[in-house]
N, C-alpha and C. Protein backbone atom coordinates (compact mmCIF):
# COMPACT_ATOMS: atom_id res chain seq x y z
N MET A 1 127.69 52.79 120.39
CA MET A 1 128.85 52.69 119.52
C MET A 1 129.47 54.07 119.28
N ALA A 2 128.60 55.08 119.11
CA ALA A 2 129.11 56.42 118.86
C ALA A 2 129.92 56.93 120.04
N TYR A 3 129.47 56.62 121.27
CA TYR A 3 130.21 57.05 122.44
C TYR A 3 131.57 56.40 122.52
N LEU A 4 131.65 55.16 122.13
CA LEU A 4 132.93 54.46 122.12
C LEU A 4 133.90 55.12 121.15
N ILE A 5 133.43 55.50 120.00
CA ILE A 5 134.27 56.18 119.00
C ILE A 5 134.74 57.52 119.55
N LYS A 6 133.85 58.26 120.20
CA LYS A 6 134.22 59.55 120.79
C LYS A 6 135.28 59.38 121.87
N ILE A 7 135.12 58.37 122.69
CA ILE A 7 136.09 58.11 123.76
C ILE A 7 137.44 57.73 123.17
N ILE A 8 137.44 56.90 122.16
CA ILE A 8 138.69 56.47 121.52
C ILE A 8 139.43 57.66 120.92
N ILE A 9 138.70 58.55 120.26
CA ILE A 9 139.33 59.74 119.65
C ILE A 9 139.91 60.64 120.73
N ALA A 10 139.15 60.88 121.80
CA ALA A 10 139.63 61.73 122.89
C ALA A 10 140.88 61.14 123.56
N VAL A 11 140.83 59.87 123.83
CA VAL A 11 141.97 59.21 124.46
C VAL A 11 143.19 59.24 123.54
N ALA A 12 142.97 59.02 122.25
CA ALA A 12 144.09 59.03 121.30
C ALA A 12 144.77 60.39 121.26
N ILE A 13 144.00 61.46 121.31
CA ILE A 13 144.59 62.80 121.28
C ILE A 13 145.36 63.07 122.57
N ILE A 14 144.81 62.69 123.70
CA ILE A 14 145.48 62.91 124.98
C ILE A 14 146.77 62.10 125.06
N VAL A 15 146.72 60.84 124.67
CA VAL A 15 147.91 59.99 124.70
C VAL A 15 148.96 60.50 123.71
N ALA A 16 148.53 60.91 122.53
CA ALA A 16 149.47 61.43 121.53
C ALA A 16 150.19 62.67 122.06
N ALA A 17 149.45 63.58 122.68
CA ALA A 17 150.08 64.79 123.23
C ALA A 17 151.03 64.44 124.37
N SER A 18 150.63 63.52 125.20
CA SER A 18 151.48 63.12 126.32
C SER A 18 152.77 62.46 125.84
N GLU A 19 152.66 61.53 124.91
CA GLU A 19 153.84 60.84 124.38
C GLU A 19 154.72 61.79 123.57
N LEU A 20 154.09 62.68 122.82
CA LEU A 20 154.85 63.63 122.01
C LEU A 20 155.61 64.61 122.90
N SER A 21 155.06 64.94 124.05
CA SER A 21 155.74 65.89 124.94
C SER A 21 157.01 65.29 125.53
N LYS A 22 157.10 63.97 125.57
CA LYS A 22 158.33 63.32 126.05
C LYS A 22 159.47 63.52 125.07
N ARG A 23 159.14 63.67 123.79
CA ARG A 23 160.16 63.83 122.75
C ARG A 23 160.39 65.29 122.39
N SER A 24 159.30 66.02 122.26
CA SER A 24 159.40 67.42 121.85
C SER A 24 158.23 68.20 122.41
N THR A 25 158.54 69.10 123.33
CA THR A 25 157.46 69.89 123.91
C THR A 25 156.86 70.84 122.88
N SER A 26 157.67 71.28 121.92
CA SER A 26 157.14 72.18 120.89
C SER A 26 156.09 71.49 120.03
N LEU A 27 156.37 70.26 119.62
CA LEU A 27 155.39 69.53 118.81
C LEU A 27 154.14 69.19 119.61
N ALA A 28 154.32 68.88 120.88
CA ALA A 28 153.15 68.60 121.73
C ALA A 28 152.30 69.86 121.88
N ALA A 29 152.95 71.01 122.03
CA ALA A 29 152.22 72.27 122.15
C ALA A 29 151.45 72.57 120.86
N ILE A 30 152.06 72.27 119.73
CA ILE A 30 151.37 72.48 118.45
C ILE A 30 150.14 71.56 118.37
N LEU A 31 150.30 70.31 118.76
CA LEU A 31 149.16 69.38 118.74
C LEU A 31 148.05 69.85 119.66
N LEU A 32 148.41 70.31 120.85
CA LEU A 32 147.40 70.78 121.79
C LEU A 32 146.78 72.10 121.34
N GLY A 33 147.53 72.88 120.59
CA GLY A 33 147.01 74.16 120.10
C GLY A 33 146.07 74.01 118.92
N LEU A 34 146.14 72.89 118.24
CA LEU A 34 145.25 72.67 117.10
C LEU A 34 143.84 72.41 117.61
N PRO A 35 142.87 72.91 116.90
CA PRO A 35 141.49 72.70 117.35
C PRO A 35 140.93 71.35 116.91
N ILE A 36 141.71 70.29 117.11
CA ILE A 36 141.29 68.95 116.69
C ILE A 36 140.02 68.52 117.41
N VAL A 37 140.01 68.69 118.71
CA VAL A 37 138.86 68.27 119.51
C VAL A 37 137.63 69.08 119.14
N LEU A 38 137.81 70.37 118.92
CA LEU A 38 136.70 71.24 118.55
C LEU A 38 136.06 70.80 117.24
N PHE A 39 136.89 70.58 116.21
CA PHE A 39 136.35 70.17 114.92
C PHE A 39 135.75 68.76 114.97
N THR A 40 136.34 67.91 115.78
CA THR A 40 135.76 66.58 115.96
C THR A 40 134.38 66.69 116.62
N SER A 41 134.28 67.55 117.61
CA SER A 41 132.98 67.78 118.26
C SER A 41 131.96 68.33 117.28
N PHE A 42 132.39 69.28 116.45
CA PHE A 42 131.48 69.83 115.44
C PHE A 42 130.98 68.72 114.51
N THR A 43 131.88 67.85 114.12
CA THR A 43 131.51 66.76 113.22
C THR A 43 130.48 65.84 113.87
N PHE A 44 130.72 65.47 115.12
CA PHE A 44 129.77 64.59 115.81
C PHE A 44 128.42 65.27 116.02
N ILE A 45 128.44 66.55 116.39
CA ILE A 45 127.17 67.27 116.57
C ILE A 45 126.41 67.34 115.25
N TRP A 46 127.14 67.62 114.17
CA TRP A 46 126.49 67.70 112.86
C TRP A 46 125.89 66.36 112.46
N GLU A 47 126.63 65.28 112.68
CA GLU A 47 126.14 63.95 112.31
C GLU A 47 124.93 63.53 113.15
N GLU A 48 124.90 63.96 114.41
CA GLU A 48 123.80 63.57 115.29
C GLU A 48 122.55 64.41 115.10
N SER A 49 122.72 65.73 114.88
CA SER A 49 121.53 66.58 114.90
C SER A 49 121.34 67.44 113.65
N ARG A 50 122.38 67.63 112.86
CA ARG A 50 122.31 68.52 111.68
C ARG A 50 121.85 69.93 112.08
N ASP A 51 122.22 70.35 113.29
CA ASP A 51 121.79 71.64 113.83
C ASP A 51 122.95 72.63 113.78
N ILE A 52 122.92 73.52 112.79
CA ILE A 52 123.99 74.50 112.63
C ILE A 52 123.98 75.54 113.74
N ASN A 53 122.80 75.80 114.30
CA ASN A 53 122.71 76.76 115.40
C ASN A 53 123.43 76.26 116.65
N LYS A 54 123.34 74.97 116.91
CA LYS A 54 124.02 74.39 118.06
C LYS A 54 125.54 74.50 117.87
N ILE A 55 126.02 74.27 116.67
CA ILE A 55 127.45 74.40 116.39
C ILE A 55 127.89 75.85 116.51
N SER A 56 127.06 76.77 116.02
CA SER A 56 127.37 78.20 116.13
C SER A 56 127.46 78.64 117.59
N LEU A 57 126.52 78.20 118.41
CA LEU A 57 126.54 78.54 119.83
C LEU A 57 127.77 77.95 120.51
N LEU A 58 128.10 76.72 120.20
CA LEU A 58 129.29 76.09 120.76
C LEU A 58 130.54 76.88 120.37
N THR A 59 130.61 77.33 119.13
CA THR A 59 131.77 78.10 118.68
C THR A 59 131.88 79.41 119.45
N GLN A 60 130.78 80.12 119.60
CA GLN A 60 130.80 81.38 120.34
C GLN A 60 131.24 81.18 121.79
N GLU A 61 130.70 80.18 122.44
CA GLU A 61 131.05 79.92 123.83
C GLU A 61 132.50 79.46 123.96
N THR A 62 132.99 78.72 122.99
CA THR A 62 134.38 78.28 123.01
C THR A 62 135.33 79.47 122.90
N VAL A 63 135.01 80.41 122.04
CA VAL A 63 135.85 81.61 121.90
C VAL A 63 135.89 82.38 123.21
N ILE A 64 134.76 82.51 123.87
CA ILE A 64 134.72 83.23 125.15
C ILE A 64 135.58 82.52 126.19
N ILE A 65 135.46 81.20 126.26
CA ILE A 65 136.24 80.43 127.24
C ILE A 65 137.73 80.50 126.92
N LEU A 66 138.08 80.40 125.64
CA LEU A 66 139.49 80.47 125.26
C LEU A 66 140.09 81.83 125.61
N LEU A 67 139.35 82.89 125.34
CA LEU A 67 139.85 84.22 125.67
C LEU A 67 140.02 84.38 127.18
N ALA A 68 139.12 83.78 127.95
CA ALA A 68 139.25 83.85 129.41
C ALA A 68 140.41 82.99 129.91
N GLY A 69 140.76 81.94 129.19
CA GLY A 69 141.82 81.03 129.63
C GLY A 69 143.23 81.43 129.24
N ILE A 70 143.37 82.29 128.25
CA ILE A 70 144.70 82.69 127.79
C ILE A 70 145.53 83.36 128.88
N PRO A 71 144.96 84.29 129.66
CA PRO A 71 145.77 84.88 130.74
C PRO A 71 146.29 83.84 131.73
N PHE A 72 145.52 82.79 131.96
CA PHE A 72 145.98 81.72 132.85
C PHE A 72 147.25 81.08 132.33
N LEU A 73 147.34 80.89 131.01
CA LEU A 73 148.53 80.27 130.44
C LEU A 73 149.76 81.14 130.64
N PHE A 74 149.61 82.45 130.46
CA PHE A 74 150.74 83.36 130.71
C PHE A 74 151.14 83.34 132.18
N LEU A 75 150.15 83.33 133.06
CA LEU A 75 150.42 83.27 134.49
C LEU A 75 151.12 81.97 134.85
N LEU A 76 150.69 80.87 134.29
CA LEU A 76 151.30 79.57 134.56
C LEU A 76 152.76 79.54 134.11
N VAL A 77 153.04 80.06 132.93
CA VAL A 77 154.42 80.12 132.44
C VAL A 77 155.28 80.95 133.40
N TRP A 78 154.76 82.10 133.81
CA TRP A 78 155.50 82.98 134.70
C TRP A 78 155.74 82.30 136.05
N MET A 79 154.74 81.61 136.58
CA MET A 79 154.88 80.96 137.88
C MET A 79 155.85 79.78 137.84
N LEU A 80 155.93 79.11 136.73
CA LEU A 80 156.80 77.93 136.62
C LEU A 80 158.27 78.30 136.44
N LYS A 81 158.52 79.55 136.07
CA LYS A 81 159.94 79.97 135.90
C LYS A 81 160.48 80.47 137.15
């Protein structure tokens, strides 16, 4: 049951961003920029294990990945123009 809830939340966010981008790319970008998925993941991890160290490690690794991915976004914008 928990997996079904996780899937529904993930699909809802993806569909919302996709549909919102048809109307306003700025609002879709804001939705995608919000750490909704990250905080949802933290909530599920906390409910399943109550392990703050696991959440801390996930946060650290997420920051590293985000910092590595930001240059890609600038490159993508430049390539698409």
